[in-house]
Amino acid sequence: MDVADLSLRRIKVLELRLRIERVSFGAYKLVSKPDRPPTVSNGADAQLAFVLGLVGQDRYGEVLGVIRLSRHIYKKSSDILHGRSGLLNASSVVLDEWELVVSQLEGFLDQYLEGPEVDGESAIAIPAPAGEVSGQIASR
């Protein structure tokens, strides 16, 4: 295996980690509607729990399983990227499995954002920035 292939695998690990962080932060913002973004940048692992707020209770079991696997991937990706793991050269099989889990995680956010439509517009209320009227219907 050449160095270029190993580098591409590590880049893939970083990409998966960033995608988990995007979903985690997106779910946090949509569910908790904070006035300001969080000041701690390493809260992605804990913020994954907010994905539960994007789905109905009937899907909690499914979502909890994906969150659990995503947390595992997040931790292992950190170990790989910081050289704390014997899995420095993650196999393509492992990366394919991780890709599937992260895609499932992203699906929960995507389904929420797509949501039902009302007269051609998304029926999800988007919180307005401070000083503006809130409760508006978001346009696509």
C-alpha atoms as a PDB file:
ATOM      1  CA  MET A   1       0.000   0.000   0.000  1.00  0.00           C
ATOM      2  CA  ASP A   2       1.490   3.337  -1.002  1.00  0.00           C
ATOM      3  CA  VAL A   3       1.562   6.578   0.937  1.00  0.00           C
ATOM      4  CA  ALA A   4      -0.994   8.265  -1.329  1.00  0.00           C
ATOM      5  CA  ASP A   5      -3.568   5.563  -0.566  1.00  0.00           C
ATOM      6  CA  LEU A   6      -2.947   5.842   3.176  1.00  0.00           C
ATOM      7  CA  SER A   7      -3.271   9.618   2.993  1.00  0.00           C
ATOM      8  CA  LEU A   8      -6.554   9.318   1.107  1.00  0.00           C
ATOM      9  CA  ARG A   9      -7.883   6.992   3.797  1.00  0.00           C
ATOM     10  CA  ARG A  10      -6.974   9.447   6.537  1.00  0.00           C
ATOM     11  CA  ILE A  11      -8.617  12.240   4.569  1.00  0.00           C
ATOM     12  CA  LYS A  12     -11.754  10.061   4.343  1.00  0.00           C
ATOM     13  CA  VAL A  13     -11.668   9.598   8.141  1.00  0.00           C
ATOM     14  CA  LEU A  14     -11.457  13.376   8.559  1.00  0.00           C
ATOM     15  CA  GLU A  15     -14.329  13.872   6.116  1.00  0.00           C
ATOM     16  CA  LEU A  16     -16.546  11.446   8.035  1.00  0.00           C
ATOM     17  CA  ARG A  17     -15.688  13.194  11.302  1.00  0.00           C
ATOM     18  CA  LEU A  18     -16.598  16.589   9.853  1.00  0.00           C
ATOM     19  CA  ARG A  19     -19.889  15.231   8.527  1.00  0.00           C
ATOM     20  CA  ILE A  20     -20.768  13.915  11.992  1.00  0.00           C
ATOM     21  CA  GLU A  21     -19.952  17.346  13.452  1.00  0.00           C
ATOM     22  CA  ARG A  22     -22.159  19.049  10.840  1.00  0.00           C
ATOM     23  CA  VAL A  23     -25.155  16.860  11.708  1.00  0.00           C
ATOM     24  CA  SER A  24     -24.504  17.174  15.424  1.00  0.00           C
ATOM     25  CA  PHE A  25     -24.323  20.954  15.339  1.00  0.00           C
ATOM     26  CA  GLY A  26     -27.254  21.226  12.918  1.00  0.00           C
ATOM     27  CA  ALA A  27     -29.468  19.085  15.140  1.00  0.00           C
ATOM     28  CA  TYR A  28     -28.415  21.085  18.192  1.00  0.00           C
ATOM     29  CA  LYS A  29     -29.312  24.379  16.498  1.00  0.00           C
ATOM     30  CA  LEU A  30     -32.665  23.132  15.190  1.00  0.00           C
ATOM     31  CA  VAL A  31     -33.798  21.489  18.418  1.00  0.00           C
ATOM     32  CA  SER A  32     -32.515  23.880  21.082  1.00  0.00           C
ATOM     33  CA  LYS A  33     -32.658  27.116  19.045  1.00  0.00           C
ATOM     34  CA  PRO A  34     -29.802  28.800  20.952  1.00  0.00           C
ATOM     35  CA  ASP A  35     -29.418  32.577  20.973  1.00  0.00           C
ATOM     36  CA  ARG A  36     -25.717  32.159  20.239  1.00  0.00           C
ATOM     37  CA  PRO A  37     -23.664  29.312  18.837  1.00  0.00           C
ATOM     38  CA  PRO A  38     -21.918  27.191  21.470  1.00  0.00           C
ATOM     39  CA  THR A  39     -18.489  28.396  22.514  1.00  0.00           C
ATOM     40  CA  VAL A  40     -17.115  24.883  22.949  1.00  0.00           C
ATOM     41  CA  SER A  41     -16.036  23.307  19.684  1.00  0.00           C
ATOM     42  CA  ASN A  42     -15.640  19.757  20.977  1.00  0.00           C
ATOM     43  CA  GLY A  43     -19.278  19.179  21.919  1.00  0.00           C
ATOM     44  CA  ALA A  44     -20.188  17.215  18.778  1.00  0.00           C
ATOM     45  CA  ASP A  45     -20.231  13.894  20.609  1.00  0.00           C
ATOM     46  CA  ALA A  46     -22.676  15.157  23.247  1.00  0.00           C
ATOM     47  CA  GLN A  47     -24.736  17.145  20.745  1.00  0.00           C
ATOM     48  CA  LEU A  48     -25.537  14.000  18.764  1.00  0.00           C
ATOM     49  CA  ALA A  49     -28.322  13.359  21.274  1.00  0.00           C
ATOM     50  CA  PHE A  50     -30.203  16.292  19.716  1.00  0.00           C
ATOM     51  CA  VAL A  51     -30.765  14.150  16.601  1.00  0.00           C
ATOM     52  CA  LEU A  52     -33.534  12.480  18.629  1.00  0.00           C
ATOM     53  CA  GLY A  53     -35.423  15.772  18.510  1.00  0.00           C
ATOM     54  CA  LEU A  54     -35.556  15.559  14.715  1.00  0.00           C
ATOM     55  CA  VAL A  55     -37.626  12.368  14.568  1.00  0.00           C
ATOM     56  CA  GLY A  56     -40.818  11.013  16.049  1.00  0.00           C
ATOM     57  CA  GLN A  57     -40.792   8.796  19.122  1.00  0.00           C
ATOM     58  CA  ASP A  58     -41.575   5.755  16.994  1.00  0.00           C
ATOM     59  CA  ARG A  59     -38.064   6.003  15.483  1.00  0.00           C
ATOM     60  CA  TYR A  60     -36.101   6.502  18.727  1.00  0.00           C
ATOM     61  CA  GLY A  61     -34.723   2.935  18.767  1.00  0.00           C
ATOM     62  CA  GLU A  62     -33.403   3.243  15.224  1.00  0.00           C
ATOM     63  CA  VAL A  63     -31.950   6.695  15.843  1.00  0.00           C
ATOM     64  CA  LEU A  64     -30.315   5.698  19.128  1.00  0.00           C
ATOM     65  CA  GLY A  65     -28.533   2.866  17.343  1.00  0.00           C
ATOM     66  CA  VAL A  66     -27.188   5.217  14.674  1.00  0.00           C
ATOM     67  CA  ILE A  67     -26.183   7.802  17.310  1.00  0.00           C
ATOM     68  CA  ARG A  68     -24.320   5.127  19.251  1.00  0.00           C
ATOM     69  CA  LEU A  69     -22.439   3.980  16.148  1.00  0.00           C
ATOM     70  CA  SER A  70     -21.735   7.601  15.174  1.00  0.00           C
ATOM     71  CA  ARG A  71     -20.227   8.288  18.587  1.00  0.00           C
ATOM     72  CA  HIS A  72     -18.018   5.232  18.162  1.00  0.00           C
ATOM     73  CA  ILE A  73     -16.886   6.472  14.736  1.00  0.00           C
ATOM     74  CA  TYR A  74     -16.296   9.964  16.143  1.00  0.00           C
ATOM     75  CA  LYS A  75     -14.074   8.612  18.919  1.00  0.00           C
ATOM     76  CA  LYS A  76     -12.188   6.216  16.649  1.00  0.00           C
ATOM     77  CA  SER A  77     -11.675   8.929  14.040  1.00  0.00           C
ATOM     78  CA  SER A  78     -10.106  11.115  16.706  1.00  0.00           C
ATOM     79  CA  ASP A  79      -7.827   8.268  17.736  1.00  0.00           C
ATOM     80  CA  ILE A  80      -6.793   7.700  14.126  1.00  0.00           C
ATOM     81  CA  LEU A  81      -6.231  11.367  13.315  1.00  0.00           C
ATOM     82  CA  HIS A  82      -4.189  11.944  16.484  1.00  0.00           C
ATOM     83  CA  GLY A  83      -2.186   8.732  16.196  1.00  0.00           C
ATOM     84  CA  ARG A  84      -3.596   7.138  19.363  1.00  0.00           C
ATOM     85  CA  SER A  85      -4.793   3.973  17.685  1.00  0.00           C
ATOM     86  CA  GLY A  86      -3.415   0.798  16.202  1.00  0.00           C
ATOM     87  CA  LEU A  87      -5.991   1.402  13.472  1.00  0.00           C
ATOM     88  CA  LEU A  88      -3.895   4.112  11.834  1.00  0.00           C
ATOM     89  CA  ASN A  89      -4.505   2.552   8.444  1.00  0.00           C
ATOM     90  CA  ALA A  90      -8.271   1.972   8.504  1.00  0.00           C
ATOM     91  CA  SER A  91      -9.247  -0.602   5.908  1.00  0.00           C
ATOM     92  CA  SER A  92     -11.561   0.260   3.056  1.00  0.00           C
ATOM     93  CA  VAL A  93     -14.150  -2.143   4.544  1.00  0.00           C
ATOM     94  CA  VAL A  94     -14.199  -0.207   7.831  1.00  0.00           C
ATOM     95  CA  LEU A  95     -14.410   3.108   5.987  1.00  0.00           C
ATOM     96  CA  ASP A  96     -17.299   1.804   3.870  1.00  0.00           C
ATOM     97  CA  GLU A  97     -19.164   0.744   7.025  1.00  0.00           C
ATOM     98  CA  TRP A  98     -18.511   4.128   8.623  1.00  0.00           C
ATOM     99  CA  GLU A  99     -19.720   5.864   5.463  1.00  0.00           C
ATOM    100  CA  LEU A 100     -23.006   3.947   5.668  1.00  0.00           C
ATOM    101  CA  VAL A 101     -23.562   4.935   9.316  1.00  0.00           C
ATOM    102  CA  VAL A 102     -22.748   8.605   8.695  1.00  0.00           C
ATOM    103  CA  SER A 103     -25.074   8.634   5.675  1.00  0.00           C
ATOM    104  CA  GLN A 104     -27.869   7.244   7.872  1.00  0.00           C
ATOM    105  CA  LEU A 105     -27.154   9.942  10.465  1.00  0.00           C
ATOM    106  CA  GLU A 106     -27.266  12.647   7.796  1.00  0.00           C
ATOM    107  CA  GLY A 107     -30.546  11.195   6.568  1.00  0.00           C
ATOM    108  CA  PHE A 108     -32.290  12.103   9.832  1.00  0.00           C
ATOM    109  CA  LEU A 109     -31.239  15.741   9.458  1.00  0.00           C
ATOM    110  CA  ASP A 110     -32.072  15.823   5.752  1.00  0.00           C
ATOM    111  CA  GLN A 111     -35.541  14.336   6.318  1.00  0.00           C
ATOM    112  CA  TYR A 112     -36.233  16.920   9.012  1.00  0.00           C
ATOM    113  CA  LEU A 113     -35.058  19.795   6.839  1.00  0.00           C
ATOM    114  CA  GLU A 114     -37.067  18.595   3.851  1.00  0.00           C
ATOM    115  CA  GLY A 115     -40.155  18.111   6.012  1.00  0.00           C
ATOM    116  CA  PRO A 116     -43.697  18.404   4.722  1.00  0.00           C
ATOM    117  CA  GLU A 117     -44.503  21.186   2.317  1.00  0.00           C
ATOM    118  CA  VAL A 118     -47.333  23.681   2.590  1.00  0.00           C
ATOM    119  CA  ASP A 119     -48.148  25.582  -0.612  1.00  0.00           C
ATOM    120  CA  GLY A 120     -44.674  24.895  -2.043  1.00  0.00           C
ATOM    121  CA  GLU A 121     -42.831  25.994   1.100  1.00  0.00           C
ATOM    122  CA  SER A 122     -41.240  23.982   3.871  1.00  0.00           C
ATOM    123  CA  ALA A 123     -43.502  23.741   6.916  1.00  0.00           C
ATOM    124  CA  ILE A 124     -40.566  23.886   9.313  1.00  0.00           C
ATOM    125  CA  ALA A 125     -40.463  27.056  11.359  1.00  0.00           C
ATOM    126  CA  ILE A 126     -36.999  28.559  11.204  1.00  0.00           C
ATOM    127  CA  PRO A 127     -35.965  30.681  14.195  1.00  0.00           C
ATOM    128  CA  ALA A 128     -35.400  34.260  13.116  1.00  0.00           C
ATOM    129  CA  PRO A 129     -32.241  36.139  14.069  1.00  0.00           C
ATOM    130  CA  ALA A 130     -32.573  38.381  17.119  1.00  0.00           C
ATOM    131  CA  GLY A 131     -34.668  41.466  16.423  1.00  0.00           C
ATOM    132  CA  GLU A 132     -36.714  39.912  13.605  1.00  0.00           C
ATOM    133  CA  VAL A 133     -40.170  38.380  13.614  1.00  0.00           C
ATOM    134  CA  SER A 134     -39.945  34.668  14.471  1.00  0.00           C
ATOM    135  CA  GLY A 135     -42.100  31.714  13.434  1.00  0.00           C
ATOM    136  CA  GLN A 136     -41.781  32.363   9.721  1.00  0.00           C
ATOM    137  CA  ILE A 137     -42.192  29.585   7.218  1.00  0.00           C
ATOM    138  CA  ALA A 138     -38.907  28.896   5.463  1.00  0.00           C
ATOM    139  CA  SER A 139     -38.805  29.092   1.689  1.00  0.00           C
ATOM    140  CA  ARG A 140     -36.929  26.460  -0.232  1.00  0.00           C
END
